[in-house]
Amino acid sequence: MERITQSKFIADLHPLNKADFLAVGLFEAASEGHTAIVEYLCTAGADLNRPHAKSGDTALTIAGFCGKDDVVKALIRAGADVTLTNNQGINALMIASGRCSASTVSTLIEAGQS
């Protein structure tokens, strides 16, 4: 009889690959403002420009929405594309502007987003 380990059980419940795990972690860390985790995931190979399956948001638009300026800066330093839009055609600058996040708006403008 095969011994079922916890990791195999979890893998069976969550049939995600490494890229999926990195993306989920990046979205969560970006929304919560966990800059160090975002930086780690960037170096671990997370796709910075991967859109969310339903909304089309990237980690950058999520961080902009949540007003997480340090995360926005970390993502830009790591090479996130500031020009990408979500499924509604809204980019990170538009989102940050709508949320009245002046520091995030300034960061995105300095990064070249218009």
N, C-alpha and C. Protein backbone atom coordinates (compact mmCIF):
# COMPACT_ATOMS: atom_id res chain seq x y z
N MET A 1 0.84 -1.18 0.00
CA MET A 1 0.00 0.00 0.00
C MET A 1 0.89 1.24 0.00
N GLU A 2 0.53 2.18 -0.84
CA GLU A 2 1.31 3.42 -0.95
C GLU A 2 1.10 4.30 0.28
N ARG A 3 2.21 4.79 0.78
CA ARG A 3 2.13 5.70 1.92
C ARG A 3 1.80 7.10 1.39
N ILE A 4 0.76 7.68 1.93
CA ILE A 4 0.34 9.01 1.49
C ILE A 4 1.01 10.04 2.40
N THR A 5 1.83 10.86 1.80
CA THR A 5 2.48 11.92 2.57
C THR A 5 1.64 13.18 2.47
N GLN A 6 1.90 14.09 3.39
CA GLN A 6 1.15 15.35 3.39
C GLN A 6 1.38 16.10 2.09
N SER A 7 2.62 16.14 1.60
CA SER A 7 2.89 16.90 0.38
C SER A 7 2.19 16.27 -0.82
N LYS A 8 2.12 14.93 -0.88
CA LYS A 8 1.41 14.28 -1.98
C LYS A 8 -0.07 14.57 -1.88
N PHE A 9 -0.60 14.55 -0.69
CA PHE A 9 -2.02 14.84 -0.49
C PHE A 9 -2.33 16.26 -0.94
N ILE A 10 -1.50 17.20 -0.56
CA ILE A 10 -1.70 18.60 -0.96
C ILE A 10 -1.57 18.73 -2.47
N ALA A 11 -0.57 18.07 -3.05
CA ALA A 11 -0.38 18.13 -4.50
C ALA A 11 -1.60 17.57 -5.23
N ASP A 12 -2.20 16.52 -4.69
CA ASP A 12 -3.38 15.95 -5.32
C ASP A 12 -4.57 16.90 -5.22
N LEU A 13 -4.67 17.62 -4.13
CA LEU A 13 -5.77 18.56 -3.96
C LEU A 13 -5.57 19.82 -4.80
N HIS A 14 -4.33 20.21 -4.97
CA HIS A 14 -3.99 21.45 -5.67
C HIS A 14 -3.05 21.12 -6.83
N PRO A 15 -3.59 20.70 -7.94
CA PRO A 15 -2.72 20.30 -9.06
C PRO A 15 -2.15 21.51 -9.80
N LEU A 16 -1.43 22.34 -9.08
CA LEU A 16 -0.81 23.52 -9.66
C LEU A 16 0.66 23.24 -9.92
N ASN A 17 1.21 23.88 -10.91
CA ASN A 17 2.64 23.75 -11.16
C ASN A 17 3.39 24.88 -10.44
N LYS A 18 4.69 24.88 -10.56
CA LYS A 18 5.51 25.87 -9.87
C LYS A 18 5.11 27.29 -10.26
N ALA A 19 4.88 27.52 -11.54
CA ALA A 19 4.50 28.86 -12.00
C ALA A 19 3.19 29.32 -11.36
N ASP A 20 2.25 28.39 -11.20
CA ASP A 20 0.97 28.73 -10.57
C ASP A 20 1.17 29.10 -9.10
N PHE A 21 1.99 28.31 -8.40
CA PHE A 21 2.24 28.60 -6.99
C PHE A 21 2.92 29.96 -6.83
N LEU A 22 3.90 30.25 -7.68
CA LEU A 22 4.59 31.53 -7.61
C LEU A 22 3.62 32.67 -7.90
N ALA A 23 2.74 32.49 -8.87
CA ALA A 23 1.78 33.54 -9.22
C ALA A 23 0.81 33.80 -8.07
N VAL A 24 0.27 32.74 -7.50
CA VAL A 24 -0.66 32.89 -6.38
C VAL A 24 0.04 33.60 -5.22
N GLY A 25 1.26 33.19 -4.92
CA GLY A 25 2.02 33.83 -3.85
C GLY A 25 2.29 35.30 -4.14
N LEU A 26 2.63 35.60 -5.39
CA LEU A 26 2.92 36.98 -5.77
C LEU A 26 1.67 37.85 -5.65
N PHE A 27 0.53 37.37 -6.12
CA PHE A 27 -0.71 38.14 -6.00
C PHE A 27 -1.05 38.40 -4.54
N GLU A 28 -0.93 37.39 -3.72
CA GLU A 28 -1.26 37.52 -2.30
C GLU A 28 -0.29 38.48 -1.60
N ALA A 29 1.01 38.30 -1.84
CA ALA A 29 2.00 39.17 -1.20
C ALA A 29 1.84 40.62 -1.66
N ALA A 30 1.53 40.82 -2.94
CA ALA A 30 1.33 42.17 -3.46
C ALA A 30 0.13 42.84 -2.81
N SER A 31 -0.94 42.10 -2.63
CA SER A 31 -2.15 42.68 -2.05
C SER A 31 -2.00 42.99 -0.57
N GLU A 32 -1.16 42.22 0.11
CA GLU A 32 -0.97 42.41 1.55
C GLU A 32 0.20 43.34 1.89
N GLY A 33 0.98 43.72 0.88
CA GLY A 33 2.10 44.63 1.13
C GLY A 33 3.34 43.97 1.68
N HIS A 34 3.52 42.70 1.40
CA HIS A 34 4.69 41.97 1.88
C HIS A 34 5.85 42.11 0.89
N THR A 35 6.53 43.25 0.98
CA THR A 35 7.57 43.59 0.02
C THR A 35 8.68 42.55 -0.04
N ALA A 36 9.16 42.09 1.09
CA ALA A 36 10.25 41.11 1.10
C ALA A 36 9.84 39.82 0.40
N ILE A 37 8.61 39.39 0.58
CA ILE A 37 8.14 38.18 -0.08
C ILE A 37 8.03 38.42 -1.59
N VAL A 38 7.54 39.59 -1.98
CA VAL A 38 7.46 39.93 -3.40
C VAL A 38 8.86 39.89 -4.02
N GLU A 39 9.82 40.49 -3.34
CA GLU A 39 11.20 40.49 -3.85
C GLU A 39 11.74 39.07 -3.97
N TYR A 40 11.47 38.24 -2.99
CA TYR A 40 11.91 36.85 -3.04
C TYR A 40 11.27 36.12 -4.22
N LEU A 41 9.96 36.27 -4.39
CA LEU A 41 9.26 35.58 -5.47
C LEU A 41 9.75 36.05 -6.84
N CYS A 42 10.12 37.32 -6.93
CA CYS A 42 10.68 37.84 -8.18
C CYS A 42 11.99 37.13 -8.51
N THR A 43 12.84 36.93 -7.51
CA THR A 43 14.11 36.24 -7.75
C THR A 43 13.92 34.74 -7.94
N ALA A 44 12.81 34.20 -7.45
CA ALA A 44 12.52 32.77 -7.58
C ALA A 44 11.92 32.43 -8.94
N GLY A 45 11.66 33.44 -9.75
CA GLY A 45 11.17 33.18 -11.09
C GLY A 45 9.70 33.44 -11.33
N ALA A 46 9.03 34.13 -10.41
CA ALA A 46 7.62 34.45 -10.63
C ALA A 46 7.49 35.34 -11.87
N ASP A 47 6.46 35.10 -12.65
CA ASP A 47 6.17 35.92 -13.83
C ASP A 47 5.51 37.20 -13.35
N LEU A 48 6.25 38.30 -13.37
CA LEU A 48 5.77 39.58 -12.86
C LEU A 48 4.59 40.12 -13.63
N ASN A 49 4.46 39.72 -14.88
CA ASN A 49 3.42 40.27 -15.74
C ASN A 49 2.28 39.29 -16.00
N ARG A 50 2.26 38.20 -15.25
CA ARG A 50 1.20 37.21 -15.43
C ARG A 50 -0.14 37.78 -15.00
N PRO A 51 -1.12 37.75 -15.87
CA PRO A 51 -2.44 38.26 -15.49
C PRO A 51 -3.23 37.25 -14.67
N HIS A 52 -4.02 37.76 -13.76
CA HIS A 52 -4.93 36.92 -13.00
C HIS A 52 -5.92 36.29 -13.98
N ALA A 53 -6.24 35.03 -13.79
CA ALA A 53 -7.05 34.28 -14.74
C ALA A 53 -8.43 34.91 -14.98
N LYS A 54 -9.01 35.52 -13.98
CA LYS A 54 -10.36 36.07 -14.14
C LYS A 54 -10.36 37.57 -14.43
N SER A 55 -9.58 38.33 -13.69
CA SER A 55 -9.64 39.80 -13.80
C SER A 55 -8.64 40.38 -14.80
N GLY A 56 -7.57 39.63 -15.06
CA GLY A 56 -6.51 40.15 -15.91
C GLY A 56 -5.55 41.07 -15.18
N ASP A 57 -5.78 41.26 -13.88
CA ASP A 57 -4.89 42.11 -13.09
C ASP A 57 -3.53 41.43 -12.93
N THR A 58 -2.48 42.23 -12.88
CA THR A 58 -1.15 41.74 -12.59
C THR A 58 -0.83 42.06 -11.13
N ALA A 59 0.29 41.59 -10.65
CA ALA A 59 0.70 41.92 -9.28
C ALA A 59 0.82 43.43 -9.12
N LEU A 60 1.27 44.11 -10.19
CA LEU A 60 1.43 45.57 -10.13
C LEU A 60 0.08 46.27 -10.00
N THR A 61 -0.92 45.86 -10.76
CA THR A 61 -2.23 46.51 -10.64
C THR A 61 -2.87 46.18 -9.29
N ILE A 62 -2.62 44.98 -8.80
CA ILE A 62 -3.15 44.62 -7.47
C ILE A 62 -2.51 45.48 -6.39
N ALA A 63 -1.18 45.62 -6.45
CA ALA A 63 -0.48 46.46 -5.46
C ALA A 63 -0.93 47.91 -5.57
N GLY A 64 -1.15 48.39 -6.79
CA GLY A 64 -1.64 49.76 -6.98
C GLY A 64 -3.02 49.94 -6.39
N PHE A 65 -3.88 48.97 -6.59
CA PHE A 65 -5.24 49.03 -6.04
C PHE A 65 -5.21 49.08 -4.52
N CYS A 66 -4.30 48.30 -3.93
CA CYS A 66 -4.21 48.21 -2.48
C CYS A 66 -3.36 49.31 -1.86
N GLY A 67 -2.78 50.19 -2.69
CA GLY A 67 -1.97 51.29 -2.18
C GLY A 67 -0.67 50.83 -1.54
N LYS A 68 -0.11 49.76 -2.04
CA LYS A 68 1.13 49.20 -1.47
C LYS A 68 2.33 49.74 -2.26
N ASP A 69 2.71 50.99 -1.97
CA ASP A 69 3.74 51.68 -2.73
C ASP A 69 5.08 50.97 -2.71
N ASP A 70 5.48 50.41 -1.57
CA ASP A 70 6.77 49.69 -1.52
C ASP A 70 6.76 48.47 -2.43
N VAL A 71 5.62 47.80 -2.52
CA VAL A 71 5.51 46.64 -3.41
C VAL A 71 5.54 47.12 -4.86
N VAL A 72 4.85 48.20 -5.16
CA VAL A 72 4.87 48.76 -6.52
C VAL A 72 6.32 49.06 -6.92
N LYS A 73 7.07 49.70 -6.04
CA LYS A 73 8.47 50.01 -6.32
C LYS A 73 9.29 48.75 -6.54
N ALA A 74 9.08 47.73 -5.71
CA ALA A 74 9.83 46.48 -5.84
C ALA A 74 9.52 45.79 -7.16
N LEU A 75 8.25 45.78 -7.55
CA LEU A 75 7.86 45.16 -8.81
C LEU A 75 8.46 45.90 -10.01
N ILE A 76 8.47 47.22 -9.94
CA ILE A 76 9.05 48.02 -11.02
C ILE A 76 10.56 47.75 -11.11
N ARG A 77 11.23 47.74 -9.96
CA ARG A 77 12.68 47.43 -9.94
C ARG A 77 12.96 46.06 -10.55
N ALA A 78 12.06 45.13 -10.32
CA ALA A 78 12.25 43.76 -10.81
C ALA A 78 11.89 43.62 -12.29
N GLY A 79 11.29 44.65 -12.87
CA GLY A 79 11.00 44.62 -14.30
C GLY A 79 9.55 44.46 -14.69
N ALA A 80 8.63 44.68 -13.77
CA ALA A 80 7.20 44.58 -14.13
C ALA A 80 6.87 45.63 -15.19
N ASP A 81 6.03 45.25 -16.12
CA ASP A 81 5.61 46.14 -17.21
C ASP A 81 4.52 47.07 -16.69
N VAL A 82 4.83 48.36 -16.61
CA VAL A 82 3.89 49.34 -16.06
C VAL A 82 2.78 49.71 -17.04
N THR A 83 2.87 49.25 -18.27
CA THR A 83 1.88 49.63 -19.28
C THR A 83 0.74 48.63 -19.43
N LEU A 84 0.84 47.49 -18.77
CA LEU A 84 -0.20 46.46 -18.92
C LEU A 84 -1.53 46.89 -18.32
N THR A 85 -2.60 46.41 -18.93
CA THR A 85 -3.95 46.70 -18.42
C THR A 85 -4.65 45.40 -18.05
N ASN A 86 -5.68 45.53 -17.24
CA ASN A 86 -6.48 44.36 -16.87
C ASN A 86 -7.56 44.14 -17.93
N ASN A 87 -8.49 43.23 -17.67
CA ASN A 87 -9.53 42.90 -18.64
C ASN A 87 -10.47 44.07 -18.94
N GLN A 88 -10.48 45.07 -18.08
CA GLN A 88 -11.32 46.25 -18.28
C GLN A 88 -10.56 47.39 -18.95
N GLY A 89 -9.30 47.14 -19.32
CA GLY A 89 -8.50 48.17 -19.96
C GLY A 89 -7.93 49.19 -19.00
N ILE A 90 -7.85 48.84 -17.72
CA ILE A 90 -7.38 49.76 -16.68
C ILE A 90 -5.96 49.37 -16.29
N ASN A 91 -5.07 50.35 -16.25
CA ASN A 91 -3.68 50.08 -15.87
C ASN A 91 -3.45 50.46 -14.40
N ALA A 92 -2.26 50.19 -13.92
CA ALA A 92 -1.93 50.41 -12.51
C ALA A 92 -2.06 51.89 -12.12
N LEU A 93 -1.66 52.79 -13.02
CA LEU A 93 -1.76 54.22 -12.73
C LEU A 93 -3.22 54.65 -12.56
N MET A 94 -4.07 54.17 -13.44
CA MET A 94 -5.49 54.50 -13.33
C MET A 94 -6.08 53.98 -12.02
N ILE A 95 -5.69 52.78 -11.67
CA ILE A 95 -6.19 52.18 -10.43
C ILE A 95 -5.71 52.98 -9.22
N ALA A 96 -4.40 53.29 -9.19
CA ALA A 96 -3.85 54.05 -8.06
C ALA A 96 -4.47 55.44 -7.98
N SER A 97 -4.72 56.07 -9.12
CA SER A 97 -5.35 57.39 -9.14
C SER A 97 -6.76 57.33 -8.57
N GLY A 98 -7.49 56.30 -8.96
CA GLY A 98 -8.85 56.13 -8.46
C GLY A 98 -8.91 55.85 -6.98
N ARG A 99 -7.85 55.29 -6.46
CA ARG A 99 -7.80 54.97 -5.02
C ARG A 99 -7.18 56.10 -4.21
N CYS A 100 -6.84 57.22 -4.89
CA CYS A 100 -6.25 58.40 -4.23
C CYS A 100 -4.95 58.07 -3.51
N SER A 101 -4.13 57.25 -4.13
CA SER A 101 -2.84 56.88 -3.56
C SER A 101 -1.75 57.71 -4.22
N ALA A 102 -1.52 58.91 -3.68
CA ALA A 102 -0.60 59.88 -4.29
C ALA A 102 0.81 59.34 -4.45
N SER A 103 1.32 58.65 -3.45
CA SER A 103 2.69 58.16 -3.55
C SER A 103 2.82 57.08 -4.62
N THR A 104 1.82 56.21 -4.74
CA THR A 104 1.85 55.17 -5.77
C THR A 104 1.71 55.79 -7.15
N VAL A 105 0.86 56.80 -7.28
CA VAL A 105 0.72 57.51 -8.55
C VAL A 105 2.06 58.12 -8.95
N SER A 106 2.74 58.77 -8.02
CA SER A 106 4.05 59.36 -8.31
C SER A 106 5.06 58.31 -8.73
N THR A 107 5.07 57.19 -8.05
CA THR A 107 5.99 56.10 -8.38
C THR A 107 5.75 55.60 -9.81
N LEU A 108 4.50 55.41 -10.17
CA LEU A 108 4.16 54.91 -11.50
C LEU A 108 4.49 55.94 -12.59
N ILE A 109 4.26 57.21 -12.32
CA ILE A 109 4.60 58.26 -13.29
C ILE A 109 6.11 58.31 -13.49
N GLU A 110 6.86 58.23 -12.40
CA GLU A 110 8.32 58.23 -12.49
C GLU A 110 8.83 57.02 -13.28
N ALA A 111 8.09 55.91 -13.22
CA ALA A 111 8.48 54.70 -13.94
C ALA A 111 8.12 54.76 -15.41
N GLY A 112 7.44 55.82 -15.81
CA GLY A 112 7.15 56.01 -17.22
C GLY A 112 5.74 55.67 -17.64
N GLN A 113 4.85 55.43 -16.70
CA GLN A 113 3.48 55.13 -17.09
C GLN A 113 2.71 56.43 -17.26
N SER A 114 1.92 56.49 -18.29
CA SER A 114 1.10 57.69 -18.50
C SER A 114 -0.34 57.32 -18.71
